[in-house]
Amino acid sequence: MTTVARLVDTLGFDAVRIGGLHAGRALQPGNPAFGANTDAVNLVRLVEAASARQPG
C-alpha cells in the first residue's frame, strides 16, 4: 500500500486505483461515477463503464 493509499485509508475512505490520468475523465460531471455514493468495487465498475464509452 502506498503512502497516499494509507493516508486515504486513515481518513476512513477506500483508496481506489482507476488507472492513469486519462481515467480521471470518468469522474467528471455527466458520468455515473461523479459524486457516486458507493463502495470501492462498484466505483471501479462505474469508472470502467464510463472509460469504455469515451474515445481515446
C-alpha atoms as a PDB file:
ATOM      1  CA  MET A   1       0.000   0.000   0.000  1.00  0.00           C
ATOM      2  CA  THR A   2       1.417   3.394  -0.956  1.00  0.00           C
ATOM      3  CA  THR A   3       1.766   6.299   1.418  1.00  0.00           C
ATOM      4  CA  VAL A   4      -1.161   8.113  -0.172  1.00  0.00           C
ATOM      5  CA  ALA A   5      -3.341   4.996  -0.013  1.00  0.00           C
ATOM      6  CA  ARG A   6      -2.537   4.628   3.689  1.00  0.00           C
ATOM      7  CA  LEU A   7      -3.469   8.265   4.287  1.00  0.00           C
ATOM      8  CA  VAL A   8      -6.762   7.857   2.435  1.00  0.00           C
ATOM      9  CA  ASP A   9      -7.473   4.701   4.472  1.00  0.00           C
ATOM     10  CA  THR A  10      -6.631   6.503   7.707  1.00  0.00           C
ATOM     11  CA  LEU A  11      -9.185   9.171   6.801  1.00  0.00           C
ATOM     12  CA  GLY A  12     -11.818   6.452   6.522  1.00  0.00           C
ATOM     13  CA  PHE A  13     -12.035   6.106   2.758  1.00  0.00           C
ATOM     14  CA  ASP A  14     -11.137   3.338   0.311  1.00  0.00           C
ATOM     15  CA  ALA A  15      -8.220   4.110  -1.967  1.00  0.00           C
ATOM     16  CA  VAL A  16      -9.246   3.145  -5.499  1.00  0.00           C
ATOM     17  CA  ARG A  17      -6.787   2.841  -8.376  1.00  0.00           C
ATOM     18  CA  ILE A  18      -8.613   3.625 -11.581  1.00  0.00           C
ATOM     19  CA  GLY A  19      -5.679   3.859 -13.960  1.00  0.00           C
ATOM     20  CA  GLY A  20      -3.739   6.710 -15.472  1.00  0.00           C
ATOM     21  CA  LEU A  21      -4.636  10.362 -15.550  1.00  0.00           C
ATOM     22  CA  HIS A  22      -6.867   9.831 -18.597  1.00  0.00           C
ATOM     23  CA  ALA A  23      -9.141   7.589 -16.488  1.00  0.00           C
ATOM     24  CA  GLY A  24      -9.995  10.609 -14.347  1.00  0.00           C
ATOM     25  CA  ARG A  25     -12.352  11.768 -17.101  1.00  0.00           C
ATOM     26  CA  ALA A  26     -14.746   9.092 -15.847  1.00  0.00           C
ATOM     27  CA  LEU A  27     -15.033  11.039 -12.566  1.00  0.00           C
ATOM     28  CA  GLN A  28     -16.176  14.264 -14.220  1.00  0.00           C
ATOM     29  CA  PRO A  29     -19.758  15.602 -14.214  1.00  0.00           C
ATOM     30  CA  GLY A  30     -22.018  13.789 -16.634  1.00  0.00           C
ATOM     31  CA  ASN A  31     -20.594  10.377 -15.811  1.00  0.00           C
ATOM     32  CA  PRO A  32     -22.229   7.900 -13.389  1.00  0.00           C
ATOM     33  CA  ALA A  33     -19.139   7.807 -11.137  1.00  0.00           C
ATOM     34  CA  PHE A  34     -19.289  11.571 -10.490  1.00  0.00           C
ATOM     35  CA  GLY A  35     -20.449  12.056  -6.915  1.00  0.00           C
ATOM     36  CA  ALA A  36     -21.427   8.402  -6.595  1.00  0.00           C
ATOM     37  CA  ASN A  37     -22.106   7.305  -3.040  1.00  0.00           C
ATOM     38  CA  THR A  38     -20.996   3.703  -3.478  1.00  0.00           C
ATOM     39  CA  ASP A  39     -18.368   1.219  -2.389  1.00  0.00           C
ATOM     40  CA  ALA A  40     -14.941   0.854  -3.994  1.00  0.00           C
ATOM     41  CA  VAL A  41     -15.856  -2.206  -6.069  1.00  0.00           C
ATOM     42  CA  ASN A  42     -18.883  -0.533  -7.645  1.00  0.00           C
ATOM     43  CA  LEU A  43     -16.948   2.702  -8.197  1.00  0.00           C
ATOM     44  CA  VAL A  44     -14.355   0.802 -10.218  1.00  0.00           C
ATOM     45  CA  ARG A  45     -17.179  -0.718 -12.298  1.00  0.00           C
ATOM     46  CA  LEU A  46     -18.669   2.731 -12.940  1.00  0.00           C
ATOM     47  CA  VAL A  47     -15.287   4.123 -13.990  1.00  0.00           C
ATOM     48  CA  GLU A  48     -14.587   1.155 -16.282  1.00  0.00           C
ATOM     49  CA  ALA A  49     -18.003   1.504 -17.935  1.00  0.00           C
ATOM     50  CA  ALA A  50     -17.514   5.245 -18.482  1.00  0.00           C
ATOM     51  CA  SER A  51     -13.975   4.730 -19.796  1.00  0.00           C
ATOM     52  CA  ALA A  52     -15.215   2.147 -22.297  1.00  0.00           C
ATOM     53  CA  ARG A  53     -17.676   4.710 -23.707  1.00  0.00           C
ATOM     54  CA  GLN A  54     -15.101   7.508 -24.072  1.00  0.00           C
ATOM     55  CA  PRO A  55     -12.843   7.807 -27.107  1.00  0.00           C
ATOM     56  CA  GLY A  56      -9.090   7.694 -26.731  1.00  0.00           C
END
